[in-house]
């Protein structure tokens, strides 16, 4: 397997549609990894998500409302 940087370079060469399809395909694995250690997810990923939303001028609360999460804590919208 190639390095993370090689994978990142290949990802960046994809079209937006291909990037979205790729993200959808790896999300189940991503969720499994973080379900094993939720504290790690919160400590490592949430700061990155907050920074990403700020740097891209996105409104996290607005995004959560549009996704039907209503700004509730993650995992609280399970049925």
PDB file of N, CA and C in Angstrom:
ATOM      1  N   UNK A   1       0.843  -1.183   0.000  1.00  0.00           N
ATOM      2  CA  UNK A   1       0.000   0.000   0.000  1.00  0.00           C
ATOM      3  C   UNK A   1       0.884   1.241   0.000  1.00  0.00           C
ATOM      4  N   UNK A   2       0.428   2.284  -0.697  1.00  0.00           N
ATOM      5  CA  UNK A   2       1.184   3.523  -0.753  1.00  0.00           C
ATOM      6  C   UNK A   2       1.059   4.317   0.528  1.00  0.00           C
ATOM      7  N   UNK A   3       1.783   5.400   0.571  1.00  0.00           N
ATOM      8  CA  UNK A   3       1.759   6.246   1.761  1.00  0.00           C
ATOM      9  C   UNK A   3       0.473   7.073   1.812  1.00  0.00           C
ATOM     10  N   UNK A   4       0.240   7.660   2.947  1.00  0.00           N
ATOM     11  CA  UNK A   4      -0.932   8.516   3.129  1.00  0.00           C
ATOM     12  C   UNK A   4      -0.861   9.692   2.158  1.00  0.00           C
ATOM     13  N   UNK A   5       0.314  10.245   1.969  1.00  0.00           N
ATOM     14  CA  UNK A   5       0.465  11.366   1.038  1.00  0.00           C
ATOM     15  C   UNK A   5       0.122  10.951  -0.390  1.00  0.00           C
ATOM     16  N   UNK A   6       0.521   9.742  -0.791  1.00  0.00           N
ATOM     17  CA  UNK A   6       0.182   9.257  -2.132  1.00  0.00           C
ATOM     18  C   UNK A   6      -1.329   9.101  -2.280  1.00  0.00           C
ATOM     19  N   UNK A   7      -1.956   8.571  -1.251  1.00  0.00           N
ATOM     20  CA  UNK A   7      -3.410   8.410  -1.267  1.00  0.00           C
ATOM     21  C   UNK A   7      -4.098   9.769  -1.355  1.00  0.00           C
ATOM     22  N   UNK A   8      -3.593  10.720  -0.593  1.00  0.00           N
ATOM     23  CA  UNK A   8      -4.140  12.079  -0.612  1.00  0.00           C
ATOM     24  C   UNK A   8      -3.988  12.696  -1.997  1.00  0.00           C
ATOM     25  N   UNK A   9      -2.836  12.527  -2.620  1.00  0.00           N
ATOM     26  CA  UNK A   9      -2.611  13.055  -3.967  1.00  0.00           C
ATOM     27  C   UNK A   9      -3.583  12.439  -4.969  1.00  0.00           C
ATOM     28  N   UNK A  10      -3.776  11.136  -4.868  1.00  0.00           N
ATOM     29  CA  UNK A  10      -4.714  10.461  -5.775  1.00  0.00           C
ATOM     30  C   UNK A  10      -6.139  10.966  -5.544  1.00  0.00           C
ATOM     31  N   UNK A  11      -6.512  11.146  -4.280  1.00  0.00           N
ATOM     32  CA  UNK A  11      -7.840  11.654  -3.940  1.00  0.00           C
ATOM     33  C   UNK A  11      -8.045  13.042  -4.546  1.00  0.00           C
ATOM     34  N   UNK A  12      -7.039  13.893  -4.415  1.00  0.00           N
ATOM     35  CA  UNK A  12      -7.157  15.265  -4.918  1.00  0.00           C
ATOM     36  C   UNK A  12      -7.314  15.330  -6.430  1.00  0.00           C
ATOM     37  N   UNK A  13      -6.916  14.299  -7.132  1.00  0.00           N
ATOM     38  CA  UNK A  13      -7.044  14.263  -8.588  1.00  0.00           C
ATOM     39  C   UNK A  13      -8.435  13.809  -9.040  1.00  0.00           C
ATOM     40  N   UNK A  14      -9.254  13.308  -8.119  1.00  0.00           N
ATOM     41  CA  UNK A  14     -10.603  12.852  -8.451  1.00  0.00           C
ATOM     42  C   UNK A  14     -11.508  14.041  -8.732  1.00  0.00           C
ATOM     43  N   UNK A  15     -12.579  13.782  -9.476  1.00  0.00           N
ATOM     44  CA  UNK A  15     -13.609  14.809  -9.645  1.00  0.00           C
ATOM     45  C   UNK A  15     -14.367  14.942  -8.323  1.00  0.00           C
ATOM     46  N   UNK A  16     -15.140  15.989  -8.194  1.00  0.00           N
ATOM     47  CA  UNK A  16     -15.935  16.160  -6.977  1.00  0.00           C
ATOM     48  C   UNK A  16     -16.894  14.988  -6.780  1.00  0.00           C
ATOM     49  N   UNK A  17     -17.481  14.517  -7.860  1.00  0.00           N
ATOM     50  CA  UNK A  17     -18.408  13.384  -7.768  1.00  0.00           C
ATOM     51  C   UNK A  17     -17.675  12.120  -7.302  1.00  0.00           C
ATOM     52  N   UNK A  18     -16.474  11.906  -7.828  1.00  0.00           N
ATOM     53  CA  UNK A  18     -15.686  10.739  -7.421  1.00  0.00           C
ATOM     54  C   UNK A  18     -15.253  10.855  -5.962  1.00  0.00           C
ATOM     55  N   UNK A  19     -14.900  12.063  -5.540  1.00  0.00           N
ATOM     56  CA  UNK A  19     -14.516  12.281  -4.138  1.00  0.00           C
ATOM     57  C   UNK A  19     -15.686  11.954  -3.218  1.00  0.00           C
ATOM     58  N   UNK A  20     -16.872  12.410  -3.579  1.00  0.00           N
ATOM     59  CA  UNK A  20     -18.057  12.136  -2.767  1.00  0.00           C
ATOM     60  C   UNK A  20     -18.349  10.642  -2.720  1.00  0.00           C
ATOM     61  N   UNK A  21     -18.250   9.969  -3.856  1.00  0.00           N
ATOM     62  CA  UNK A  21     -18.474   8.522  -3.894  1.00  0.00           C
ATOM     63  C   UNK A  21     -17.452   7.798  -3.023  1.00  0.00           C
ATOM     64  N   UNK A  22     -16.212   8.245  -3.073  1.00  0.00           N
ATOM     65  CA  UNK A  22     -15.164   7.637  -2.248  1.00  0.00           C
ATOM     66  C   UNK A  22     -15.472   7.834  -0.762  1.00  0.00           C
ATOM     67  N   UNK A  23     -15.812   9.054  -0.384  1.00  0.00           N
ATOM     68  CA  UNK A  23     -16.124   9.333   1.021  1.00  0.00           C
ATOM     69  C   UNK A  23     -17.284   8.478   1.510  1.00  0.00           C
ATOM     70  N   UNK A  24     -18.315   8.344   0.671  1.00  0.00           N
ATOM     71  CA  UNK A  24     -19.452   7.497   1.043  1.00  0.00           C
ATOM     72  C   UNK A  24     -19.014   6.053   1.230  1.00  0.00           C
ATOM     73  N   UNK A  25     -18.085   5.590   0.410  1.00  0.00           N
ATOM     74  CA  UNK A  25     -17.663   4.186   0.490  1.00  0.00           C
ATOM     75  C   UNK A  25     -16.810   3.899   1.715  1.00  0.00           C
ATOM     76  N   UNK A  26     -16.083   4.898   2.228  1.00  0.00           N
ATOM     77  CA  UNK A  26     -15.213   4.647   3.386  1.00  0.00           C
ATOM     78  C   UNK A  26     -15.849   5.039   4.717  1.00  0.00           C
ATOM     79  N   UNK A  27     -16.977   5.720   4.696  1.00  0.00           N
ATOM     80  CA  UNK A  27     -17.611   6.149   5.943  1.00  0.00           C
ATOM     81  C   UNK A  27     -17.921   5.000   6.906  1.00  0.00           C
ATOM     82  N   UNK A  28     -18.414   3.855   6.435  1.00  0.00           N
ATOM     83  CA  UNK A  28     -18.659   2.769   7.390  1.00  0.00           C
ATOM     84  C   UNK A  28     -17.393   2.344   8.147  1.00  0.00           C
ATOM     85  N   UNK A  29     -16.269   2.276   7.459  1.00  0.00           N
ATOM     86  CA  UNK A  29     -15.008   1.923   8.128  1.00  0.00           C
ATOM     87  C   UNK A  29     -14.591   3.010   9.100  1.00  0.00           C
ATOM     88  N   UNK A  30     -14.769   4.244   8.678  1.00  0.00           N
ATOM     89  CA  UNK A  30     -14.444   5.386   9.521  1.00  0.00           C
ATOM     90  C   UNK A  30     -15.262   5.338  10.805  1.00  0.00           C
ATOM     91  N   UNK A  31     -16.548   5.066  10.669  1.00  0.00           N
ATOM     92  CA  UNK A  31     -17.429   4.983  11.837  1.00  0.00           C
ATOM     93  C   UNK A  31     -17.030   3.830  12.761  1.00  0.00           C
ATOM     94  N   UNK A  32     -16.661   2.693  12.185  1.00  0.00           N
ATOM     95  CA  UNK A  32     -16.227   1.551  13.001  1.00  0.00           C
ATOM     96  C   UNK A  32     -15.002   1.898  13.832  1.00  0.00           C
ATOM     97  N   UNK A  33     -14.046   2.559  13.208  1.00  0.00           N
ATOM     98  CA  UNK A  33     -12.817   2.930  13.913  1.00  0.00           C
ATOM     99  C   UNK A  33     -13.139   3.808  15.109  1.00  0.00           C
ATOM    100  N   UNK A  34     -13.956   4.825  14.891  1.00  0.00           N
ATOM    101  CA  UNK A  34     -14.245   5.753  15.971  1.00  0.00           C
ATOM    102  C   UNK A  34     -15.254   5.222  16.973  1.00  0.00           C
ATOM    103  N   UNK A  35     -16.057   4.241  16.577  1.00  0.00           N
ATOM    104  CA  UNK A  35     -16.967   3.624  17.547  1.00  0.00           C
ATOM    105  C   UNK A  35     -16.170   2.838  18.585  1.00  0.00           C
ATOM    106  N   UNK A  36     -15.010   2.351  18.185  1.00  0.00           N
ATOM    107  CA  UNK A  36     -14.144   1.617  19.117  1.00  0.00           C
ATOM    108  C   UNK A  36     -13.563   2.532  20.181  1.00  0.00           C
ATOM    109  N   UNK A  37     -13.388   3.813  19.842  1.00  0.00           N
ATOM    110  CA  UNK A  37     -12.772   4.749  20.776  1.00  0.00           C
ATOM    111  C   UNK A  37     -13.385   6.139  20.577  1.00  0.00           C
ATOM    112  N   UNK A  38     -14.603   6.368  21.091  1.00  0.00           N
ATOM    113  CA  UNK A  38     -15.271   7.657  20.886  1.00  0.00           C
ATOM    114  C   UNK A  38     -14.496   8.854  21.444  1.00  0.00           C
ATOM    115  N   UNK A  39     -13.774   8.636  22.519  1.00  0.00           N
ATOM    116  CA  UNK A  39     -12.993   9.733  23.099  1.00  0.00           C
ATOM    117  C   UNK A  39     -11.937  10.220  22.122  1.00  0.00           C
ATOM    118  N   UNK A  40     -11.322   9.278  21.409  1.00  0.00           N
ATOM    119  CA  UNK A  40     -10.313   9.648  20.418  1.00  0.00           C
ATOM    120  C   UNK A  40     -10.968  10.450  19.298  1.00  0.00           C
ATOM    121  N   UNK A  41     -12.156  10.020  18.873  1.00  0.00           N
ATOM    122  CA  UNK A  41     -12.866  10.744  17.831  1.00  0.00           C
ATOM    123  C   UNK A  41     -13.130  12.175  18.270  1.00  0.00           C
ATOM    124  N   UNK A  42     -13.625  12.324  19.466  1.00  0.00           N
ATOM    125  CA  UNK A  42     -13.947  13.660  19.954  1.00  0.00           C
ATOM    126  C   UNK A  42     -12.694  14.522  20.090  1.00  0.00           C
ATOM    127  N   UNK A  43     -11.617  13.947  20.600  1.00  0.00           N
ATOM    128  CA  UNK A  43     -10.417  14.739  20.839  1.00  0.00           C
ATOM    129  C   UNK A  43      -9.640  15.038  19.565  1.00  0.00           C
ATOM    130  N   UNK A  44      -9.687  14.145  18.575  1.00  0.00           N
ATOM    131  CA  UNK A  44      -8.908  14.349  17.358  1.00  0.00           C
ATOM    132  C   UNK A  44      -9.717  14.916  16.204  1.00  0.00           C
ATOM    133  N   UNK A  45     -10.934  14.465  16.027  1.00  0.00           N
ATOM    134  CA  UNK A  45     -11.682  14.841  14.840  1.00  0.00           C
ATOM    135  C   UNK A  45     -12.537  16.094  15.017  1.00  0.00           C
ATOM    136  N   UNK A  46     -13.139  16.266  16.163  1.00  0.00           N
ATOM    137  CA  UNK A  46     -14.016  17.420  16.334  1.00  0.00           C
ATOM    138  C   UNK A  46     -13.265  18.745  16.176  1.00  0.00           C
ATOM    139  N   UNK A  47     -12.069  18.898  16.741  1.00  0.00           N
ATOM    140  CA  UNK A  47     -11.339  20.156  16.493  1.00  0.00           C
ATOM    141  C   UNK A  47     -11.058  20.374  15.004  1.00  0.00           C
ATOM    142  N   UNK A  48     -10.754  19.300  14.278  1.00  0.00           N
ATOM    143  CA  UNK A  48     -10.518  19.423  12.839  1.00  0.00           C
ATOM    144  C   UNK A  48     -11.794  19.845  12.119  1.00  0.00           C
ATOM    145  N   UNK A  49     -12.919  19.264  12.508  1.00  0.00           N
ATOM    146  CA  UNK A  49     -14.200  19.616  11.887  1.00  0.00           C
ATOM    147  C   UNK A  49     -14.554  21.071  12.159  1.00  0.00           C
ATOM    148  N   UNK A  50     -14.344  21.516  13.385  1.00  0.00           N
ATOM    149  CA  UNK A  50     -14.634  22.912  13.713  1.00  0.00           C
ATOM    150  C   UNK A  50     -13.749  23.849  12.900  1.00  0.00           C
ATOM    151  N   UNK A  51     -12.470  23.524  12.789  1.00  0.00           N
ATOM    152  CA  UNK A  51     -11.548  24.361  12.020  1.00  0.00           C
ATOM    153  C   UNK A  51     -11.931  24.364  10.543  1.00  0.00           C
ATOM    154  N   UNK A  52     -12.326  23.213  10.015  1.00  0.00           N
ATOM    155  CA  UNK A  52     -12.737  23.119   8.624  1.00  0.00           C
ATOM    156  C   UNK A  52     -13.967  23.982   8.375  1.00  0.00           C
ATOM    157  N   UNK A  53     -14.942  23.920   9.261  1.00  0.00           N
ATOM    158  CA  UNK A  53     -16.146  24.709   9.061  1.00  0.00           C
ATOM    159  C   UNK A  53     -15.830  26.201   9.124  1.00  0.00           C
ATOM    160  N   UNK A  54     -14.918  26.589  10.020  1.00  0.00           N
ATOM    161  CA  UNK A  54     -14.526  28.003  10.101  1.00  0.00           C
ATOM    162  C   UNK A  54     -13.782  28.440   8.847  1.00  0.00           C
ATOM    163  N   UNK A  55     -12.809  27.648   8.419  1.00  0.00           N
ATOM    164  CA  UNK A  55     -11.984  28.045   7.276  1.00  0.00           C
ATOM    165  C   UNK A  55     -12.770  28.056   5.966  1.00  0.00           C
ATOM    166  N   UNK A  56     -13.832  27.276   5.891  1.00  0.00           N
ATOM    167  CA  UNK A  56     -14.677  27.237   4.685  1.00  0.00           C
ATOM    168  C   UNK A  56     -15.911  28.115   4.831  1.00  0.00           C
ATOM    169  N   UNK A  57     -15.955  28.909   5.892  1.00  0.00           N
ATOM    170  CA  UNK A  57     -17.095  29.791   6.162  1.00  0.00           C
ATOM    171  C   UNK A  57     -18.411  29.031   6.213  1.00  0.00           C
ATOM    172  N   UNK A  58     -18.397  27.867   6.868  1.00  0.00           N
ATOM    173  CA  UNK A  58     -19.609  27.079   7.035  1.00  0.00           C
ATOM    174  C   UNK A  58     -20.149  27.291   8.447  1.00  0.00           C
ATOM    175  N   UNK A  59     -21.447  27.198   8.577  1.00  0.00           N
ATOM    176  CA  UNK A  59     -22.120  27.329   9.861  1.00  0.00           C
ATOM    177  C   UNK A  59     -22.490  25.925  10.343  1.00  0.00           C
ATOM    178  N   UNK A  60     -21.775  25.401  11.348  1.00  0.00           N
ATOM    179  CA  UNK A  60     -21.992  24.035  11.814  1.00  0.00           C
ATOM    180  C   UNK A  60     -23.417  23.834  12.316  1.00  0.00           C
ATOM    181  N   UNK A  61     -23.943  24.763  13.092  1.00  0.00           N
ATOM    182  CA  UNK A  61     -25.315  24.627  13.599  1.00  0.00           C
ATOM    183  C   UNK A  61     -26.313  24.609  12.443  1.00  0.00           C
ATOM    184  N   UNK A  62     -26.105  25.484  11.460  1.00  0.00           N
ATOM    185  CA  UNK A  62     -26.987  25.509  10.301  1.00  0.00           C
ATOM    186  C   UNK A  62     -26.915  24.216   9.512  1.00  0.00           C
ATOM    187  N   UNK A  63     -25.703  23.679   9.355  1.00  0.00           N
ATOM    188  CA  UNK A  63     -25.535  22.418   8.631  1.00  0.00           C
ATOM    189  C   UNK A  63     -26.248  21.290   9.364  1.00  0.00           C
ATOM    190  N   UNK A  64     -26.116  21.248  10.677  1.00  0.00           N
ATOM    191  CA  UNK A  64     -26.747  20.191  11.461  1.00  0.00           C
ATOM    192  C   UNK A  64     -28.270  20.290  11.351  1.00  0.00           C
ATOM    193  N   UNK A  65     -28.801  21.494  11.352  1.00  0.00           N
ATOM    194  CA  UNK A  65     -30.249  21.669  11.203  1.00  0.00           C
ATOM    195  C   UNK A  65     -30.707  21.182   9.839  1.00  0.00           C
ATOM    196  N   UNK A  66     -29.949  21.523   8.784  1.00  0.00           N
ATOM    197  CA  UNK A  66     -30.309  21.078   7.441  1.00  0.00           C
ATOM    198  C   UNK A  66     -30.242  19.559   7.314  1.00  0.00           C
ATOM    199  N   UNK A  67     -29.376  18.924   8.092  1.00  0.00           N
ATOM    200  CA  UNK A  67     -29.254  17.463   8.059  1.00  0.00           C
ATOM    201  C   UNK A  67     -30.277  16.791   8.962  1.00  0.00           C
ATOM    202  N   UNK A  68     -31.118  17.592   9.634  1.00  0.00           N
ATOM    203  CA  UNK A  68     -32.138  17.024  10.501  1.00  0.00           C
ATOM    204  C   UNK A  68     -31.639  16.681  11.883  1.00  0.00           C
ATOM    205  N   UNK A  69     -30.461  17.196  12.233  1.00  0.00           N
ATOM    206  CA  UNK A  69     -29.902  16.903  13.550  1.00  0.00           C
ATOM    207  C   UNK A  69     -30.293  17.979  14.552  1.00  0.00           C
ATOM    208  N   UNK A  70     -30.759  19.113  14.081  1.00  0.00           N
ATOM    209  CA  UNK A  70     -31.240  20.173  14.949  1.00  0.00           C
ATOM    210  C   UNK A  70     -30.217  20.694  15.931  1.00  0.00           C
ATOM    211  N   UNK A  71     -28.943  20.502  15.655  1.00  0.00           N
ATOM    212  CA  UNK A  71     -27.913  20.976  16.545  1.00  0.00           C
ATOM    213  C   UNK A  71     -27.747  20.115  17.779  1.00  0.00           C
ATOM    214  N   UNK A  72     -28.375  18.962  17.778  1.00  0.00           N
ATOM    215  CA  UNK A  72     -28.275  18.046  18.924  1.00  0.00           C
ATOM    216  C   UNK A  72     -26.903  17.389  18.946  1.00  0.00           C
ATOM    217  N   UNK A  73     -26.447  16.925  20.109  1.00  0.00           N
ATOM    218  CA  UNK A  73     -25.168  16.238  20.179  1.00  0.00           C
ATOM    219  C   UNK A  73     -25.149  15.034  19.253  1.00  0.00           C
ATOM    220  N   UNK A  74     -23.966  14.713  18.761  1.00  0.00           N
ATOM    221  CA  UNK A  74     -23.821  13.579  17.854  1.00  0.00           C
ATOM    222  C   UNK A  74     -24.333  12.307  18.477  1.00  0.00           C
ATOM    223  N   UNK A  75     -25.068  11.534  17.697  1.00  0.00           N
ATOM    224  CA  UNK A  75     -25.582  10.255  18.177  1.00  0.00           C
ATOM    225  C   UNK A  75     -26.931  10.346  18.853  1.00  0.00           C
ATOM    226  N   UNK A  76     -27.403  11.571  19.106  1.00  0.00           N
ATOM    227  CA  UNK A  76     -28.669  11.700  19.829  1.00  0.00           C
ATOM    228  C   UNK A  76     -29.879  11.605  18.913  1.00  0.00           C
ATOM    229  N   UNK A  77     -29.657  11.524  17.596  1.00  0.00           N
ATOM    230  CA  UNK A  77     -30.792  11.438  16.677  1.00  0.00           C
ATOM    231  C   UNK A  77     -31.070  10.013  16.244  1.00  0.00           C
ATOM    232  N   UNK A  78     -30.546   9.035  16.958  1.00  0.00           N
ATOM    233  CA  UNK A  78     -30.789   7.646  16.609  1.00  0.00           C
ATOM    234  C   UNK A  78     -32.215   7.269  16.962  1.00  0.00           C
ATOM    235  N   UNK A  79     -32.805   6.400  16.154  1.00  0.00           N
ATOM    236  CA  UNK A  79     -34.197   5.980  16.377  1.00  0.00           C
ATOM    237  C   UNK A  79     -34.226   4.647  17.082  1.00  0.00           C
TER     238      UNK A  79
END
